[in-house]
Amino acid sequence: MTSNYRRGRDAEYQAREILRREGFEVIRSAGSHTIWDLVAWHGDGRILLIQVKRTEGATVTAATISSRFKEAIDQLRRTPGIPGGVPQIWVRSRRGWHRYEILPGGVAEVPV
């Protein structure tokens, strides 16, 4: 049986590889004792501060993410990040990856 830690770590590795394919350099916060699982930066100046989540649900929308991960999103919103860094929550579902930017009043899906 696969542990929650291992499933979470595997999702973080997958997200890291997606970012690398998109041209980002990525640091993973091993052990997840910080709010950010991944910190990624691109040569064009973009900086992403990402928390990675998993869900078994097939339907993933901004509303379901806001409800299901409310506590995590509130913490991401309150936590100071890197100046210029964009806080995001990435969710892996049965239907693939969904990326959301954390905004002051909610979340917005990031087009890929």
PDB file of N, CA and C in Angstrom:
ATOM      1  N   MET A   1       0.849  -1.187   0.000  1.00  0.00           N
ATOM      2  CA  MET A   1       0.000   0.000   0.000  1.00  0.00           C
ATOM      3  C   MET A   1       0.895   1.250   0.000  1.00  0.00           C
ATOM      4  N   THR A   2       0.491   2.229  -0.759  1.00  0.00           N
ATOM      5  CA  THR A   2       1.248   3.457  -0.868  1.00  0.00           C
ATOM      6  C   THR A   2       0.779   4.446   0.195  1.00  0.00           C
ATOM      7  N   SER A   3       1.740   5.043   0.891  1.00  0.00           N
ATOM      8  CA  SER A   3       1.403   5.987   1.951  1.00  0.00           C
ATOM      9  C   SER A   3       0.987   7.339   1.379  1.00  0.00           C
ATOM     10  N   ASN A   4       0.288   8.130   2.204  1.00  0.00           N
ATOM     11  CA  ASN A   4      -0.083   9.487   1.797  1.00  0.00           C
ATOM     12  C   ASN A   4       1.159  10.307   1.480  1.00  0.00           C
ATOM     13  N   TYR A   5       2.212  10.135   2.302  1.00  0.00           N
ATOM     14  CA  TYR A   5       3.454  10.868   2.066  1.00  0.00           C
ATOM     15  C   TYR A   5       3.992  10.548   0.671  1.00  0.00           C
ATOM     16  N   ARG A   6       4.022   9.267   0.333  1.00  0.00           N
ATOM     17  CA  ARG A   6       4.575   8.854  -0.966  1.00  0.00           C
ATOM     18  C   ARG A   6       3.719   9.373  -2.121  1.00  0.00           C
ATOM     19  N   ARG A   7       2.402   9.303  -1.993  1.00  0.00           N
ATOM     20  CA  ARG A   7       1.532   9.829  -3.051  1.00  0.00           C
ATOM     21  C   ARG A   7       1.733  11.339  -3.215  1.00  0.00           C
ATOM     22  N   GLY A   8       1.855  12.047  -2.094  1.00  0.00           N
ATOM     23  CA  GLY A   8       2.103  13.488  -2.155  1.00  0.00           C
ATOM     24  C   GLY A   8       3.446  13.803  -2.775  1.00  0.00           C
ATOM     25  N   ARG A   9       4.466  13.057  -2.381  1.00  0.00           N
ATOM     26  CA  ARG A   9       5.807  13.253  -2.940  1.00  0.00           C
ATOM     27  C   ARG A   9       5.806  12.985  -4.440  1.00  0.00           C
ATOM     28  N   ASP A  10       5.137  11.918  -4.852  1.00  0.00           N
ATOM     29  CA  ASP A  10       5.067  11.593  -6.282  1.00  0.00           C
ATOM     30  C   ASP A  10       4.391  12.717  -7.065  1.00  0.00           C
ATOM     31  N   ALA A  11       3.334  13.303  -6.500  1.00  0.00           N
ATOM     32  CA  ALA A  11       2.661  14.432  -7.165  1.00  0.00           C
ATOM     33  C   ALA A  11       3.608  15.630  -7.268  1.00  0.00           C
ATOM     34  N   GLU A  12       4.386  15.880  -6.221  1.00  0.00           N
ATOM     35  CA  GLU A  12       5.357  16.977  -6.261  1.00  0.00           C
ATOM     36  C   GLU A  12       6.407  16.737  -7.331  1.00  0.00           C
ATOM     37  N   TYR A  13       6.889  15.509  -7.456  1.00  0.00           N
ATOM     38  CA  TYR A  13       7.865  15.181  -8.500  1.00  0.00           C
ATOM     39  C   TYR A  13       7.267  15.399  -9.883  1.00  0.00           C
ATOM     40  N   GLN A  14       6.017  14.999 -10.068  1.00  0.00           N
ATOM     41  CA  GLN A  14       5.360  15.192 -11.367  1.00  0.00           C
ATOM     42  C   GLN A  14       5.222  16.677 -11.693  1.00  0.00           C
ATOM     43  N   ALA A  15       4.801  17.465 -10.718  1.00  0.00           N
ATOM     44  CA  ALA A  15       4.660  18.911 -10.924  1.00  0.00           C
ATOM     45  C   ALA A  15       6.020  19.533 -11.245  1.00  0.00           C
ATOM     46  N   ARG A  16       7.050  19.089 -10.546  1.00  0.00           N
ATOM     47  CA  ARG A  16       8.405  19.591 -10.802  1.00  0.00           C
ATOM     48  C   ARG A  16       8.822  19.314 -12.247  1.00  0.00           C
ATOM     49  N   GLU A  17       8.525  18.122 -12.731  1.00  0.00           N
ATOM     50  CA  GLU A  17       8.892  17.772 -14.108  1.00  0.00           C
ATOM     51  C   GLU A  17       8.108  18.597 -15.128  1.00  0.00           C
ATOM     52  N   ILE A  18       6.843  18.871 -14.850  1.00  0.00           N
ATOM     53  CA  ILE A  18       6.049  19.741 -15.738  1.00  0.00           C
ATOM     54  C   ILE A  18       6.702  21.115 -15.825  1.00  0.00           C
ATOM     55  N   LEU A  19       7.063  21.659 -14.679  1.00  0.00           N
ATOM     56  CA  LEU A  19       7.696  22.979 -14.643  1.00  0.00           C
ATOM     57  C   LEU A  19       9.021  22.971 -15.397  1.00  0.00           C
ATOM     58  N   ARG A  20       9.815  21.954 -15.220  1.00  0.00           N
ATOM     59  CA  ARG A  20      11.097  21.871 -15.925  1.00  0.00           C
ATOM     60  C   ARG A  20      10.892  21.829 -17.437  1.00  0.00           C
ATOM     61  N   ARG A  21       9.890  21.077 -17.888  1.00  0.00           N
ATOM     62  CA  ARG A  21       9.591  21.035 -19.327  1.00  0.00           C
ATOM     63  C   ARG A  21       9.156  22.399 -19.852  1.00  0.00           C
ATOM     64  N   GLU A  22       8.584  23.219 -18.984  1.00  0.00           N
ATOM     65  CA  GLU A  22       8.149  24.565 -19.361  1.00  0.00           C
ATOM     66  C   GLU A  22       9.271  25.595 -19.221  1.00  0.00           C
ATOM     67  N   GLY A  23      10.474  25.143 -18.904  1.00  0.00           N
ATOM     68  CA  GLY A  23      11.626  26.034 -18.842  1.00  0.00           C
ATOM     69  C   GLY A  23      11.939  26.633 -17.488  1.00  0.00           C
ATOM     70  N   PHE A  24      11.316  26.139 -16.432  1.00  0.00           N
ATOM     71  CA  PHE A  24      11.567  26.646 -15.085  1.00  0.00           C
ATOM     72  C   PHE A  24      12.703  25.875 -14.415  1.00  0.00           C
ATOM     73  N   GLU A  25      13.401  26.557 -13.558  1.00  0.00           N
ATOM     74  CA  GLU A  25      14.283  25.920 -12.577  1.00  0.00           C
ATOM     75  C   GLU A  25      13.411  25.713 -11.353  1.00  0.00           C
ATOM     76  N   VAL A  26      13.601  24.603 -10.636  1.00  0.00           N
ATOM     77  CA  VAL A  26      12.679  24.267  -9.549  1.00  0.00           C
ATOM     78  C   VAL A  26      13.444  23.750  -8.338  1.00  0.00           C
ATOM     79  N   ILE A  27      13.012  24.204  -7.174  1.00  0.00           N
ATOM     80  CA  ILE A  27      13.482  23.649  -5.903  1.00  0.00           C
ATOM     81  C   ILE A  27      12.276  23.035  -5.214  1.00  0.00           C
ATOM     82  N   ARG A  28      12.444  21.804  -4.757  1.00  0.00           N
ATOM     83  CA  ARG A  28      11.394  21.123  -3.995  1.00  0.00           C
ATOM     84  C   ARG A  28      11.761  21.191  -2.519  1.00  0.00           C
ATOM     85  N   SER A  29      10.786  21.540  -1.690  1.00  0.00           N
ATOM     86  CA  SER A  29      10.992  21.582  -0.247  1.00  0.00           C
ATOM     87  C   SER A  29      10.732  20.181   0.304  1.00  0.00           C
ATOM     88  N   ALA A  30      11.768  19.382   0.388  1.00  0.00           N
ATOM     89  CA  ALA A  30      11.637  17.989   0.838  1.00  0.00           C
ATOM     90  C   ALA A  30      11.078  17.936   2.253  1.00  0.00           C
ATOM     91  N   GLY A  31      10.170  17.005   2.461  1.00  0.00           N
ATOM     92  CA  GLY A  31       9.580  16.836   3.781  1.00  0.00           C
ATOM     93  C   GLY A  31       8.342  17.688   3.996  1.00  0.00           C
ATOM     94  N   SER A  32       8.143  18.690   3.151  1.00  0.00           N
ATOM     95  CA  SER A  32       6.951  19.559   3.208  1.00  0.00           C
ATOM     96  C   SER A  32       6.691  20.128   4.592  1.00  0.00           C
ATOM     97  N   HIS A  33       7.740  20.595   5.243  1.00  0.00           N
ATOM     98  CA  HIS A  33       7.555  21.269   6.527  1.00  0.00           C
ATOM     99  C   HIS A  33       7.437  22.778   6.328  1.00  0.00           C
ATOM    100  N   THR A  34       7.342  23.182   5.072  1.00  0.00           N
ATOM    101  CA  THR A  34       7.123  24.585   4.753  1.00  0.00           C
ATOM    102  C   THR A  34       5.804  24.699   3.998  1.00  0.00           C
ATOM    103  N   ILE A  35       5.318  25.914   3.839  1.00  0.00           N
ATOM    104  CA  ILE A  35       4.056  26.120   3.132  1.00  0.00           C
ATOM    105  C   ILE A  35       4.207  25.864   1.646  1.00  0.00           C
ATOM    106  N   TRP A  36       5.374  26.111   1.088  1.00  0.00           N
ATOM    107  CA  TRP A  36       5.598  25.953  -0.344  1.00  0.00           C
ATOM    108  C   TRP A  36       6.258  24.607  -0.608  1.00  0.00           C
ATOM    109  N   ASP A  37       5.635  23.791  -1.450  1.00  0.00           N
ATOM    110  CA  ASP A  37       6.236  22.519  -1.844  1.00  0.00           C
ATOM    111  C   ASP A  37       7.285  22.724  -2.920  1.00  0.00           C
ATOM    112  N   LEU A  38       7.012  23.667  -3.827  1.00  0.00           N
ATOM    113  CA  LEU A  38       7.921  23.950  -4.936  1.00  0.00           C
ATOM    114  C   LEU A  38       8.098  25.455  -5.085  1.00  0.00           C
ATOM    115  N   VAL A  39       9.320  25.861  -5.376  1.00  0.00           N
ATOM    116  CA  VAL A  39       9.610  27.243  -5.764  1.00  0.00           C
ATOM    117  C   VAL A  39      10.237  27.143  -7.144  1.00  0.00           C
ATOM    118  N   ALA A  40       9.654  27.856  -8.099  1.00  0.00           N
ATOM    119  CA  ALA A  40      10.112  27.764  -9.486  1.00  0.00           C
ATOM    120  C   ALA A  40      10.345  29.160 -10.047  1.00  0.00           C
ATOM    121  N   TRP A  41      11.385  29.296 -10.862  1.00  0.00           N
ATOM    122  CA  TRP A  41      11.658  30.571 -11.507  1.00  0.00           C
ATOM    123  C   TRP A  41      12.049  30.324 -12.960  1.00  0.00           C
ATOM    124  N   HIS A  42      11.697  31.294 -13.772  1.00  0.00           N
ATOM    125  CA  HIS A  42      11.905  31.204 -15.216  1.00  0.00           C
ATOM    126  C   HIS A  42      12.825  32.342 -15.633  1.00  0.00           C
ATOM    127  N   GLY A  43      13.527  32.146 -16.715  1.00  0.00           N
ATOM    128  CA  GLY A  43      14.427  33.178 -17.233  1.00  0.00           C
ATOM    129  C   GLY A  43      13.721  34.468 -17.605  1.00  0.00           C
ATOM    130  N   ASP A  44      12.416  34.413 -17.840  1.00  0.00           N
ATOM    131  CA  ASP A  44      11.664  35.623 -18.183  1.00  0.00           C
ATOM    132  C   ASP A  44      11.242  36.423 -16.953  1.00  0.00           C
ATOM    133  N   GLY A  45      11.661  35.959 -15.760  1.00  0.00           N
ATOM    134  CA  GLY A  45      11.381  36.692 -14.525  1.00  0.00           C
ATOM    135  C   GLY A  45      10.235  36.156 -13.691  1.00  0.00           C
ATOM    136  N   ARG A  46       9.470  35.204 -14.209  1.00  0.00           N
ATOM    137  CA  ARG A  46       8.366  34.643 -13.421  1.00  0.00           C
ATOM    138  C   ARG A  46       8.903  33.818 -12.256  1.00  0.00           C
ATOM    139  N   ILE A  47       8.249  33.981 -11.119  1.00  0.00           N
ATOM    140  CA  ILE A  47       8.550  33.189  -9.925  1.00  0.00           C
ATOM    141  C   ILE A  47       7.232  32.612  -9.423  1.00  0.00           C
ATOM    142  N   LEU A  48       7.193  31.293  -9.230  1.00  0.00           N
ATOM    143  CA  LEU A  48       5.986  30.635  -8.742  1.00  0.00           C
ATOM    144  C   LEU A  48       6.272  29.990  -7.394  1.00  0.00           C
ATOM    145  N   LEU A  49       5.348  30.159  -6.465  1.00  0.00           N
ATOM    146  CA  LEU A  49       5.400  29.550  -5.138  1.00  0.00           C
ATOM    147  C   LEU A  49       4.215  28.595  -5.079  1.00  0.00           C
ATOM    148  N   ILE A  50       4.486  27.302  -5.069  1.00  0.00           N
ATOM    149  CA  ILE A  50       3.442  26.317  -5.334  1.00  0.00           C
ATOM    150  C   ILE A  50       3.251  25.348  -4.180  1.00  0.00           C
ATOM    151  N   GLN A  51       2.002  25.139  -3.818  1.00  0.00           N
ATOM    152  CA  GLN A  51       1.643  24.030  -2.946  1.00  0.00           C
ATOM    153  C   GLN A  51       0.932  23.003  -3.823  1.00  0.00           C
ATOM    154  N   VAL A  52       1.342  21.742  -3.705  1.00  0.00           N
ATOM    155  CA  VAL A  52       0.802  20.662  -4.525  1.00  0.00           C
ATOM    156  C   VAL A  52      -0.185  19.850  -3.690  1.00  0.00           C
ATOM    157  N   LYS A  53      -1.341  19.579  -4.276  1.00  0.00           N
ATOM    158  CA  LYS A  53      -2.377  18.779  -3.627  1.00  0.00           C
ATOM    159  C   LYS A  53      -2.843  17.683  -4.575  1.00  0.00           C
ATOM    160  N   ARG A  54      -3.487  16.690  -4.011  1.00  0.00           N
ATOM    161  CA  ARG A  54      -4.097  15.617  -4.795  1.00  0.00           C
ATOM    162  C   ARG A  54      -5.563  15.522  -4.400  1.00  0.00           C
ATOM    163  N   THR A  55      -6.371  15.049  -5.334  1.00  0.00           N
ATOM    164  CA  THR A  55      -7.767  14.762  -5.021  1.00  0.00           C
ATOM    165  C   THR A  55      -8.205  13.574  -5.858  1.00  0.00           C
ATOM    166  N   GLU A  56      -9.053  12.763  -5.287  1.00  0.00           N
ATOM    167  CA  GLU A  56      -9.592  11.608  -6.014  1.00  0.00           C
ATOM    168  C   GLU A  56     -10.802  12.011  -6.845  1.00  0.00           C
ATOM    169  N   GLY A  57     -11.322  13.201  -6.592  1.00  0.00           N
ATOM    170  CA  GLY A  57     -12.496  13.650  -7.319  1.00  0.00           C
ATOM    171  C   GLY A  57     -12.200  13.912  -8.785  1.00  0.00           C
ATOM    172  N   ALA A  58     -13.190  13.697  -9.615  1.00  0.00           N
ATOM    173  CA  ALA A  58     -13.034  13.928 -11.050  1.00  0.00           C
ATOM    174  C   ALA A  58     -13.319  15.383 -11.412  1.00  0.00           C
ATOM    175  N   THR A  59     -14.177  16.049 -10.634  1.00  0.00           N
ATOM    176  CA  THR A  59     -14.549  17.426 -10.932  1.00  0.00           C
ATOM    177  C   THR A  59     -13.676  18.366 -10.116  1.00  0.00           C
ATOM    178  N   VAL A  60     -12.923  19.174 -10.812  1.00  0.00           N
ATOM    179  CA  VAL A  60     -12.045  20.141 -10.150  1.00  0.00           C
ATOM    180  C   VAL A  60     -12.335  21.507 -10.752  1.00  0.00           C
ATOM    181  N   THR A  61     -12.899  22.377  -9.927  1.00  0.00           N
ATOM    182  CA  THR A  61     -13.202  23.746 -10.349  1.00  0.00           C
ATOM    183  C   THR A  61     -12.661  24.693  -9.286  1.00  0.00           C
ATOM    184  N   ALA A  62     -12.659  25.971  -9.594  1.00  0.00           N
ATOM    185  CA  ALA A  62     -12.218  26.956  -8.603  1.00  0.00           C
ATOM    186  C   ALA A  62     -13.064  26.855  -7.339  1.00  0.00           C
ATOM    187  N   ALA A  63     -14.353  26.622  -7.489  1.00  0.00           N
ATOM    188  CA  ALA A  63     -15.245  26.525  -6.325  1.00  0.00           C
ATOM    189  C   ALA A  63     -14.926  25.298  -5.478  1.00  0.00           C
ATOM    190  N   THR A  64     -14.708  24.146  -6.121  1.00  0.00           N
ATOM    191  CA  THR A  64     -14.405  22.943  -5.338  1.00  0.00           C
ATOM    192  C   THR A  64     -13.045  23.057  -4.668  1.00  0.00           C
ATOM    193  N   ILE A  65     -12.087  23.655  -5.353  1.00  0.00           N
ATOM    194  CA  ILE A  65     -10.750  23.842  -4.768  1.00  0.00           C
ATOM    195  C   ILE A  65     -10.838  24.796  -3.579  1.00  0.00           C
ATOM    196  N   SER A  66     -11.566  25.893  -3.752  1.00  0.00           N
ATOM    197  CA  SER A  66     -11.715  26.878  -2.666  1.00  0.00           C
ATOM    198  C   SER A  66     -12.338  26.258  -1.428  1.00  0.00           C
ATOM    199  N   SER A  67     -13.266  25.348  -1.621  1.00  0.00           N
ATOM    200  CA  SER A  67     -13.934  24.692  -0.505  1.00  0.00           C
ATOM    201  C   SER A  67     -13.074  23.578   0.091  1.00  0.00           C
ATOM    202  N   ARG A  68     -12.599  22.698  -0.745  1.00  0.00           N
ATOM    203  CA  ARG A  68     -11.858  21.516  -0.277  1.00  0.00           C
ATOM    204  C   ARG A  68     -10.540  21.879   0.399  1.00  0.00           C
ATOM    205  N   PHE A  69      -9.845  22.880  -0.119  1.00  0.00           N
ATOM    206  CA  PHE A  69      -8.524  23.246   0.398  1.00  0.00           C
ATOM    207  C   PHE A  69      -8.534  24.638   1.024  1.00  0.00           C
ATOM    208  N   LYS A  70      -9.674  25.014   1.624  1.00  0.00           N
ATOM    209  CA  LYS A  70      -9.841  26.360   2.189  1.00  0.00           C
ATOM    210  C   LYS A  70      -8.735  26.726   3.171  1.00  0.00           C
ATOM    211  N   GLU A  71      -8.446  25.833   4.104  1.00  0.00           N
ATOM    212  CA  GLU A  71      -7.432  26.134   5.123  1.00  0.00           C
ATOM    213  C   GLU A  71      -6.064  26.368   4.487  1.00  0.00           C
ATOM    214  N   ALA A  72      -5.680  25.523   3.545  1.00  0.00           N
ATOM    215  CA  ALA A  72      -4.388  25.667   2.874  1.00  0.00           C
ATOM    216  C   ALA A  72      -4.334  26.963   2.075  1.00  0.00           C
ATOM    217  N   ILE A  73      -5.421  27.282   1.383  1.00  0.00           N
ATOM    218  CA  ILE A  73      -5.466  28.505   0.578  1.00  0.00           C
ATOM    219  C   ILE A  73      -5.376  29.731   1.481  1.00  0.00           C
ATOM    220  N   ASP A  74      -6.087  29.726   2.602  1.00  0.00           N
ATOM    221  CA  ASP A  74      -6.000  30.841   3.548  1.00  0.00           C
ATOM    222  C   ASP A  74      -4.579  31.008   4.061  1.00  0.00           C
ATOM    223  N   GLN A  75      -3.921  29.905   4.351  1.00  0.00           N
ATOM    224  CA  GLN A  75      -2.531  29.973   4.830  1.00  0.00           C
ATOM    225  C   GLN A  75      -1.612  30.505   3.734  1.00  0.00           C
ATOM    226  N   LEU A  76      -1.802  30.060   2.501  1.00  0.00           N
ATOM    227  CA  LEU A  76      -0.994  30.556   1.385  1.00  0.00           C
ATOM    228  C   LEU A  76      -1.189  32.060   1.218  1.00  0.00           C
ATOM    229  N   ARG A  77      -2.409  32.511   1.391  1.00  0.00           N
ATOM    230  CA  ARG A  77      -2.732  33.928   1.237  1.00  0.00           C
ATOM    231  C   ARG A  77      -2.053  34.763   2.326  1.00  0.00           C
ATOM    232  N   ARG A  78      -1.952  34.224   3.525  1.00  0.00           N
ATOM    233  CA  ARG A  78      -1.377  34.961   4.667  1.00  0.00           C
ATOM    234  C   ARG A  78       0.152  34.922   4.698  1.00  0.00           C
ATOM    235  N   THR A  79       0.757  33.924   4.075  1.00  0.00           N
ATOM    236  CA  THR A  79       2.192  33.713   4.193  1.00  0.00           C
ATOM    237  C   THR A  79       2.955  34.613   3.230  1.00  0.00           C
ATOM    238  N   PRO A  80       3.889  35.398   3.765  1.00  0.00           N
ATOM    239  CA  PRO A  80       4.702  36.213   2.855  1.00  0.00           C
ATOM    240  C   PRO A  80       5.543  35.290   1.973  1.00  0.00           C
ATOM    241  N   GLY A  81       5.715  35.688   0.761  1.00  0.00           N
ATOM    242  CA  GLY A  81       6.517  34.892  -0.158  1.00  0.00           C
ATOM    243  C   GLY A  81       7.724  35.674  -0.635  1.00  0.00           C
ATOM    244  N   ILE A  82       8.231  35.271  -1.741  1.00  0.00           N
ATOM    245  CA  ILE A  82       9.340  35.959  -2.387  1.00  0.00           C
ATOM    246  C   ILE A  82       8.766  37.165  -3.125  1.00  0.00           C
ATOM    247  N   PRO A  83       9.384  38.340  -2.999  1.00  0.00           N
ATOM    248  CA  PRO A  83       8.861  39.499  -3.745  1.00  0.00           C
ATOM    249  C   PRO A  83       8.727  39.153  -5.230  1.00  0.00           C
ATOM    250  N   GLY A  84       7.548  39.421  -5.771  1.00  0.00           N
ATOM    251  CA  GLY A  84       7.284  39.119  -7.171  1.00  0.00           C
ATOM    252  C   GLY A  84       6.818  37.691  -7.408  1.00  0.00           C
ATOM    253  N   GLY A  85       6.858  36.862  -6.362  1.00  0.00           N
ATOM    254  CA  GLY A  85       6.430  35.469  -6.497  1.00  0.00           C
ATOM    255  C   GLY A  85       4.917  35.350  -6.533  1.00  0.00           C
ATOM    256  N   VAL A  86       4.435  34.452  -7.363  1.00  0.00           N
ATOM    257  CA  VAL A  86       3.000  34.243  -7.526  1.00  0.00           C
ATOM    258  C   VAL A  86       2.598  32.968  -6.783  1.00  0.00           C
ATOM    259  N   PRO A  87       1.780  33.087  -5.734  1.00  0.00           N
ATOM    260  CA  PRO A  87       1.348  31.889  -5.019  1.00  0.00           C
ATOM    261  C   PRO A  87       0.324  31.102  -5.825  1.00  0.00           C
ATOM    262  N   GLN A  88       0.541  29.808  -5.908  1.00  0.00           N
ATOM    263  CA  GLN A  88      -0.366  28.935  -6.650  1.00  0.00           C
ATOM    264  C   GLN A  88      -0.598  27.650  -5.877  1.00  0.00           C
ATOM    265  N   ILE A  89      -1.732  27.030  -6.159  1.00  0.00           N
ATOM    266  CA  ILE A  89      -2.015  25.688  -5.676  1.00  0.00           C
ATOM    267  C   ILE A  89      -2.253  24.840  -6.918  1.00  0.00           C
ATOM    268  N   TRP A  90      -1.519  23.745  -7.022  1.00  0.00           N
ATOM    269  CA  TRP A  90      -1.658  22.819  -8.134  1.00  0.00           C
ATOM    270  C   TRP A  90      -2.326  21.571  -7.596  1.00  0.00           C
ATOM    271  N   VAL A  91      -3.339  21.103  -8.299  1.00  0.00           N
ATOM    272  CA  VAL A  91      -4.107  19.946  -7.843  1.00  0.00           C
ATOM    273  C   VAL A  91      -4.086  18.878  -8.925  1.00  0.00           C
ATOM    274  N   ARG A  92      -3.668  17.666  -8.528  1.00  0.00           N
ATOM    275  CA  ARG A  92      -3.718  16.530  -9.449  1.00  0.00           C
ATOM    276  C   ARG A  92      -4.974  15.735  -9.159  1.00  0.00           C
ATOM    277  N   SER A  93      -5.800  15.570 -10.192  1.00  0.00           N
ATOM    278  CA  SER A  93      -7.028  14.792 -10.059  1.00  0.00           C
ATOM    279  C   SER A  93      -6.966  13.625 -11.030  1.00  0.00           C
ATOM    280  N   ARG A  94      -8.037  12.856 -11.061  1.00  0.00           N
ATOM    281  CA  ARG A  94      -8.104  11.750 -12.027  1.00  0.00           C
ATOM    282  C   ARG A  94      -8.053  12.257 -13.461  1.00  0.00           C
ATOM    283  N   ARG A  95      -8.430  13.495 -13.663  1.00  0.00           N
ATOM    284  CA  ARG A  95      -8.454  14.062 -15.016  1.00  0.00           C
ATOM    285  C   ARG A  95      -7.211  14.873 -15.340  1.00  0.00           C
ATOM    286  N   GLY A  96      -6.202  14.846 -14.499  1.00  0.00           N
ATOM    287  CA  GLY A  96      -4.965  15.573 -14.789  1.00  0.00           C
ATOM    288  C   GLY A  96      -4.713  16.705 -13.813  1.00  0.00           C
ATOM    289  N   TRP A  97      -3.886  17.629 -14.251  1.00  0.00           N
ATOM    290  CA  TRP A  97      -3.447  18.737 -13.410  1.00  0.00           C
ATOM    291  C   TRP A  97      -4.326  19.964 -13.603  1.00  0.00           C
ATOM    292  N   HIS A  98      -4.533  20.675 -12.482  1.00  0.00           N
ATOM    293  CA  HIS A  98      -5.277  21.932 -12.476  1.00  0.00           C
ATOM    294  C   HIS A  98      -4.437  22.919 -11.668  1.00  0.00           C
ATOM    295  N   ARG A  99      -4.240  24.094 -12.226  1.00  0.00           N
ATOM    296  CA  ARG A  99      -3.406  25.114 -11.581  1.00  0.00           C
ATOM    297  C   ARG A  99      -4.268  26.322 -11.236  1.00  0.00           C
ATOM    298  N   TYR A 100      -4.094  26.819 -10.010  1.00  0.00           N
ATOM    299  CA  TYR A 100      -4.870  27.971  -9.555  1.00  0.00           C
ATOM    300  C   TYR A 100      -3.949  28.992  -8.906  1.00  0.00           C
ATOM    301  N   GLU A 101      -4.137  30.245  -9.272  1.00  0.00           N
ATOM    302  CA  GLU A 101      -3.427  31.332  -8.625  1.00  0.00           C
ATOM    303  C   GLU A 101      -4.220  31.753  -7.400  1.00  0.00           C
ATOM    304  N   ILE A 102      -3.516  31.988  -6.313  1.00  0.00           N
ATOM    305  CA  ILE A 102      -4.149  32.432  -5.071  1.00  0.00           C
ATOM    306  C   ILE A 102      -4.281  33.955  -5.128  1.00  0.00           C
ATOM    307  N   LEU A 103      -5.502  34.437  -5.098  1.00  0.00           N
ATOM    308  CA  LEU A 103      -5.786  35.866  -5.161  1.00  0.00           C
ATOM    309  C   LEU A 103      -6.338  36.338  -3.812  1.00  0.00           C
ATOM    310  N   PRO A 104      -6.338  37.650  -3.557  1.00  0.00           N
ATOM    311  CA  PRO A 104      -6.851  38.120  -2.277  1.00  0.00           C
ATOM    312  C   PRO A 104      -8.292  37.672  -1.980  1.00  0.00           C
ATOM    313  N   GLY A 105      -9.128  37.553  -3.002  1.00  0.00           N
ATOM    314  CA  GLY A 105     -10.514  37.210  -2.761  1.00  0.00           C
ATOM    315  C   GLY A 105     -10.922  35.815  -3.218  1.00  0.00           C
ATOM    316  N   GLY A 106      -9.982  34.988  -3.590  1.00  0.00           N
ATOM    317  CA  GLY A 106     -10.333  33.652  -4.057  1.00  0.00           C
ATOM    318  C   GLY A 106      -9.208  33.019  -4.850  1.00  0.00           C
ATOM    319  N   VAL A 107      -9.573  32.148  -5.770  1.00  0.00           N
ATOM    320  CA  VAL A 107      -8.586  31.519  -6.643  1.00  0.00           C
ATOM    321  C   VAL A 107      -9.057  31.647  -8.090  1.00  0.00           C
ATOM    322  N   ALA A 108      -8.093  31.663  -9.004  1.00  0.00           N
ATOM    323  CA  ALA A 108      -8.416  31.734 -10.431  1.00  0.00           C
ATOM    324  C   ALA A 108      -7.596  30.695 -11.159  1.00  0.00           C
ATOM    325  N   GLU A 109      -8.273  29.934 -12.023  1.00  0.00           N
ATOM    326  CA  GLU A 109      -7.555  28.903 -12.771  1.00  0.00           C
ATOM    327  C   GLU A 109      -6.539  29.567 -13.702  1.00  0.00           C
ATOM    328  N   VAL A 110      -5.357  28.965 -13.734  1.00  0.00           N
ATOM    329  CA  VAL A 110      -4.282  29.448 -14.585  1.00  0.00           C
ATOM    330  C   VAL A 110      -4.358  28.712 -15.913  1.00  0.00           C
ATOM    331  N   PRO A 111      -4.551  29.430 -17.015  1.00  0.00           N
ATOM    332  CA  PRO A 111      -4.578  28.730 -18.301  1.00  0.00           C
ATOM    333  C   PRO A 111      -3.209  28.148 -18.622  1.00  0.00           C
ATOM    334  N   VAL A 112      -3.219  26.969 -19.183  1.00  0.00           N
ATOM    335  CA  VAL A 112      -1.957  26.304 -19.513  1.00  0.00           C
ATOM    336  C   VAL A 112      -1.746  26.332 -21.005  1.00  0.00           C
TER     337      VAL A 112
END
